[in-house]
Amino acid sequence: MISKAITITNDTGLHARPAAVFVNTATKFKSEVMVRKGEKQVNAKSILAVLSLGISKGSDIVISVQGSDEEEAMGSLTALIESNFNE
């Protein structure tokens, strides 16, 4: 399992379109992908779960990935966030 802390910097945070892009990216991988904000951790492959975290601009989150393609999954998710969801 690998984990990475990252700060959300896009203006809308993980709401609506960015959340959908994040979840769609996570579902492309076989690995289990979890996202945590504060004490709450959810399945990153569930749009409702991700939206329930209320991740806004400036939020610090931790992404955890476990499985056969965990390195690739983490790289893709990190690149997506660092690109501000290609907005």
N, C-alpha and C. Protein backbone atom coordinates (compact mmCIF):
# COMPACT_ATOMS: atom_id res chain seq x y z
N MET A 1 0.85 -1.18 0.00
CA MET A 1 0.00 0.00 0.00
C MET A 1 0.89 1.24 0.00
N ILE A 2 0.48 2.21 -0.81
CA ILE A 2 1.16 3.48 -0.82
C ILE A 2 0.16 4.58 -0.51
N SER A 3 0.63 5.63 0.14
CA SER A 3 -0.22 6.77 0.49
C SER A 3 0.50 8.05 0.17
N LYS A 4 -0.27 9.07 -0.14
CA LYS A 4 0.30 10.38 -0.43
C LYS A 4 -0.64 11.46 0.04
N ALA A 5 -0.09 12.44 0.75
CA ALA A 5 -0.85 13.62 1.16
C ALA A 5 -0.72 14.66 0.06
N ILE A 6 -1.81 15.33 -0.26
CA ILE A 6 -1.81 16.33 -1.32
C ILE A 6 -2.86 17.40 -1.00
N THR A 7 -2.60 18.61 -1.43
CA THR A 7 -3.54 19.72 -1.22
C THR A 7 -4.29 20.00 -2.52
N ILE A 8 -5.58 20.17 -2.41
CA ILE A 8 -6.43 20.48 -3.56
C ILE A 8 -6.31 21.97 -3.85
N THR A 9 -5.94 22.32 -5.08
CA THR A 9 -5.70 23.73 -5.41
C THR A 9 -6.65 24.31 -6.45
N ASN A 10 -7.46 23.47 -7.08
CA ASN A 10 -8.39 24.03 -8.08
C ASN A 10 -9.51 24.77 -7.38
N ASP A 11 -10.12 25.74 -8.07
CA ASP A 11 -11.09 26.64 -7.46
C ASP A 11 -12.33 25.97 -6.88
N THR A 12 -12.81 24.90 -7.51
CA THR A 12 -14.05 24.27 -7.04
C THR A 12 -13.83 23.07 -6.13
N GLY A 13 -12.58 22.71 -5.90
CA GLY A 13 -12.33 21.53 -5.07
C GLY A 13 -12.81 20.28 -5.77
N LEU A 14 -13.16 19.26 -4.98
CA LEU A 14 -13.66 18.01 -5.57
C LEU A 14 -15.19 18.03 -5.56
N HIS A 15 -15.76 18.87 -6.38
CA HIS A 15 -17.20 18.98 -6.51
C HIS A 15 -17.57 18.81 -7.97
N ALA A 16 -18.72 18.25 -8.23
CA ALA A 16 -19.27 18.08 -9.58
C ALA A 16 -18.26 17.48 -10.57
N ARG A 17 -17.86 18.24 -11.59
CA ARG A 17 -17.02 17.70 -12.65
C ARG A 17 -15.67 17.19 -12.15
N PRO A 18 -14.92 17.94 -11.32
CA PRO A 18 -13.63 17.41 -10.86
C PRO A 18 -13.79 16.10 -10.07
N ALA A 19 -14.84 15.98 -9.28
CA ALA A 19 -15.06 14.74 -8.54
C ALA A 19 -15.33 13.59 -9.49
N ALA A 20 -16.12 13.85 -10.52
CA ALA A 20 -16.43 12.80 -11.50
C ALA A 20 -15.16 12.37 -12.24
N VAL A 21 -14.32 13.32 -12.60
CA VAL A 21 -13.06 12.99 -13.28
C VAL A 21 -12.16 12.18 -12.35
N PHE A 22 -12.09 12.56 -11.08
CA PHE A 22 -11.28 11.85 -10.09
C PHE A 22 -11.76 10.41 -9.94
N VAL A 23 -13.06 10.22 -9.77
CA VAL A 23 -13.65 8.89 -9.60
C VAL A 23 -13.45 8.05 -10.86
N ASN A 24 -13.68 8.63 -12.02
CA ASN A 24 -13.49 7.90 -13.28
C ASN A 24 -12.05 7.45 -13.45
N THR A 25 -11.11 8.29 -13.03
CA THR A 25 -9.70 7.91 -13.10
C THR A 25 -9.42 6.77 -12.15
N ALA A 26 -9.92 6.85 -10.93
CA ALA A 26 -9.70 5.79 -9.93
C ALA A 26 -10.27 4.45 -10.38
N THR A 27 -11.42 4.47 -11.05
CA THR A 27 -12.06 3.21 -11.46
C THR A 27 -11.34 2.51 -12.61
N LYS A 28 -10.41 3.19 -13.25
CA LYS A 28 -9.65 2.57 -14.33
C LYS A 28 -8.64 1.54 -13.82
N PHE A 29 -8.41 1.53 -12.53
CA PHE A 29 -7.37 0.67 -11.96
C PHE A 29 -7.98 -0.45 -11.13
N LYS A 30 -7.26 -1.58 -11.08
CA LYS A 30 -7.70 -2.73 -10.31
C LYS A 30 -7.53 -2.50 -8.81
N SER A 31 -6.55 -1.70 -8.44
CA SER A 31 -6.22 -1.47 -7.03
C SER A 31 -7.37 -0.82 -6.27
N GLU A 32 -7.38 -1.06 -4.97
CA GLU A 32 -8.32 -0.38 -4.08
C GLU A 32 -7.78 1.04 -3.88
N VAL A 33 -8.64 2.03 -4.06
CA VAL A 33 -8.24 3.43 -3.91
C VAL A 33 -9.14 4.08 -2.86
N MET A 34 -8.51 4.66 -1.86
CA MET A 34 -9.23 5.33 -0.79
C MET A 34 -8.77 6.78 -0.72
N VAL A 35 -9.66 7.66 -0.30
CA VAL A 35 -9.30 9.06 -0.09
C VAL A 35 -9.77 9.47 1.31
N ARG A 36 -8.92 10.20 2.02
CA ARG A 36 -9.24 10.61 3.39
C ARG A 36 -9.10 12.11 3.52
N LYS A 37 -10.08 12.68 4.20
CA LYS A 37 -10.02 14.09 4.61
C LYS A 37 -10.32 14.09 6.10
N GLY A 38 -9.38 14.58 6.87
CA GLY A 38 -9.54 14.54 8.32
C GLY A 38 -9.59 13.11 8.79
N GLU A 39 -10.61 12.78 9.56
CA GLU A 39 -10.75 11.43 10.11
C GLU A 39 -11.63 10.53 9.24
N LYS A 40 -12.23 11.08 8.19
CA LYS A 40 -13.15 10.30 7.36
C LYS A 40 -12.45 9.79 6.11
N GLN A 41 -12.53 8.49 5.88
CA GLN A 41 -11.94 7.87 4.70
C GLN A 41 -13.02 7.16 3.91
N VAL A 42 -12.99 7.31 2.59
CA VAL A 42 -14.01 6.71 1.73
C VAL A 42 -13.38 6.06 0.51
N ASN A 43 -14.17 5.25 -0.16
CA ASN A 43 -13.79 4.60 -1.42
C ASN A 43 -13.75 5.66 -2.52
N ALA A 44 -12.59 5.84 -3.14
CA ALA A 44 -12.42 6.86 -4.18
C ALA A 44 -13.09 6.47 -5.49
N LYS A 45 -13.67 5.29 -5.56
CA LYS A 45 -14.35 4.86 -6.78
C LYS A 45 -15.86 5.10 -6.69
N SER A 46 -16.29 5.78 -5.62
CA SER A 46 -17.71 6.09 -5.42
C SER A 46 -17.91 7.60 -5.43
N ILE A 47 -18.64 8.10 -6.42
CA ILE A 47 -18.86 9.53 -6.54
C ILE A 47 -19.56 10.09 -5.30
N LEU A 48 -20.56 9.38 -4.79
CA LEU A 48 -21.28 9.87 -3.61
C LEU A 48 -20.37 9.92 -2.39
N ALA A 49 -19.52 8.92 -2.25
CA ALA A 49 -18.60 8.88 -1.11
C ALA A 49 -17.61 10.04 -1.20
N VAL A 50 -17.05 10.28 -2.37
CA VAL A 50 -16.09 11.37 -2.54
C VAL A 50 -16.76 12.72 -2.28
N LEU A 51 -17.94 12.92 -2.83
CA LEU A 51 -18.66 14.17 -2.60
C LEU A 51 -19.00 14.38 -1.13
N SER A 52 -19.21 13.29 -0.39
CA SER A 52 -19.57 13.39 1.03
C SER A 52 -18.45 13.97 1.88
N LEU A 53 -17.22 13.96 1.36
CA LEU A 53 -16.09 14.51 2.12
C LEU A 53 -16.07 16.04 2.10
N GLY A 54 -16.77 16.65 1.18
CA GLY A 54 -16.79 18.11 1.11
C GLY A 54 -15.41 18.71 0.89
N ILE A 55 -14.69 18.18 -0.07
CA ILE A 55 -13.32 18.62 -0.33
C ILE A 55 -13.36 19.92 -1.14
N SER A 56 -12.88 20.99 -0.53
CA SER A 56 -12.87 22.30 -1.18
C SER A 56 -11.44 22.75 -1.46
N LYS A 57 -11.31 23.87 -2.14
CA LYS A 57 -9.98 24.42 -2.44
C LYS A 57 -9.21 24.61 -1.14
N GLY A 58 -7.98 24.14 -1.13
CA GLY A 58 -7.14 24.25 0.06
C GLY A 58 -7.22 23.07 1.00
N SER A 59 -8.13 22.13 0.72
CA SER A 59 -8.25 20.94 1.57
C SER A 59 -7.04 20.04 1.41
N ASP A 60 -6.58 19.51 2.53
CA ASP A 60 -5.53 18.50 2.51
C ASP A 60 -6.18 17.13 2.56
N ILE A 61 -5.83 16.27 1.61
CA ILE A 61 -6.37 14.92 1.57
C ILE A 61 -5.21 13.93 1.53
N VAL A 62 -5.54 12.68 1.82
CA VAL A 62 -4.56 11.60 1.69
C VAL A 62 -5.17 10.55 0.78
N ILE A 63 -4.44 10.19 -0.26
CA ILE A 63 -4.86 9.13 -1.18
C ILE A 63 -4.06 7.89 -0.81
N SER A 64 -4.77 6.76 -0.65
CA SER A 64 -4.12 5.48 -0.37
C SER A 64 -4.51 4.49 -1.45
N VAL A 65 -3.53 3.78 -1.96
CA VAL A 65 -3.78 2.83 -3.05
C VAL A 65 -3.10 1.51 -2.70
N GLN A 66 -3.86 0.41 -2.88
CA GLN A 66 -3.30 -0.91 -2.62
C GLN A 66 -3.72 -1.86 -3.72
N GLY A 67 -2.74 -2.50 -4.34
CA GLY A 67 -3.05 -3.48 -5.37
C GLY A 67 -1.94 -3.59 -6.40
N SER A 68 -2.22 -4.38 -7.42
CA SER A 68 -1.20 -4.71 -8.41
C SER A 68 -0.76 -3.53 -9.26
N ASP A 69 -1.61 -2.53 -9.44
CA ASP A 69 -1.26 -1.37 -10.25
C ASP A 69 -1.24 -0.08 -9.42
N GLU A 70 -0.88 -0.22 -8.15
CA GLU A 70 -0.94 0.92 -7.23
C GLU A 70 -0.05 2.09 -7.63
N GLU A 71 1.15 1.81 -8.14
CA GLU A 71 2.06 2.90 -8.53
C GLU A 71 1.47 3.70 -9.69
N GLU A 72 0.94 3.01 -10.68
CA GLU A 72 0.34 3.68 -11.83
C GLU A 72 -0.90 4.48 -11.42
N ALA A 73 -1.73 3.89 -10.55
CA ALA A 73 -2.93 4.57 -10.08
C ALA A 73 -2.57 5.84 -9.32
N MET A 74 -1.60 5.74 -8.40
CA MET A 74 -1.20 6.91 -7.63
C MET A 74 -0.63 7.99 -8.54
N GLY A 75 0.16 7.59 -9.50
CA GLY A 75 0.73 8.56 -10.45
C GLY A 75 -0.35 9.29 -11.23
N SER A 76 -1.34 8.57 -11.70
CA SER A 76 -2.42 9.18 -12.48
C SER A 76 -3.26 10.13 -11.64
N LEU A 77 -3.60 9.71 -10.42
CA LEU A 77 -4.42 10.55 -9.55
C LEU A 77 -3.67 11.80 -9.10
N THR A 78 -2.41 11.64 -8.79
CA THR A 78 -1.58 12.78 -8.38
C THR A 78 -1.43 13.78 -9.53
N ALA A 79 -1.16 13.27 -10.72
CA ALA A 79 -1.02 14.14 -11.89
C ALA A 79 -2.32 14.89 -12.17
N LEU A 80 -3.44 14.22 -12.01
CA LEU A 80 -4.75 14.85 -12.23
C LEU A 80 -4.96 16.01 -11.27
N ILE A 81 -4.67 15.79 -9.99
CA ILE A 81 -4.84 16.84 -8.99
C ILE A 81 -3.86 17.98 -9.24
N GLU A 82 -2.61 17.66 -9.54
CA GLU A 82 -1.60 18.70 -9.78
C GLU A 82 -1.90 19.52 -11.03
N SER A 83 -2.67 18.96 -11.97
CA SER A 83 -3.04 19.69 -13.19
C SER A 83 -4.34 20.48 -12.98
N ASN A 84 -4.82 20.51 -11.73
CA ASN A 84 -6.11 21.16 -11.41
C ASN A 84 -7.24 20.58 -12.24
N PHE A 85 -7.20 19.27 -12.43
CA PHE A 85 -8.24 18.52 -13.14
C PHE A 85 -8.41 19.00 -14.57
N ASN A 86 -7.28 19.45 -15.15
CA ASN A 86 -7.24 19.91 -16.54
C ASN A 86 -8.21 21.04 -16.83
N GLU A 87 -8.46 21.86 -15.81
CA GLU A 87 -9.39 22.98 -16.00
C GLU A 87 -8.66 24.21 -16.49
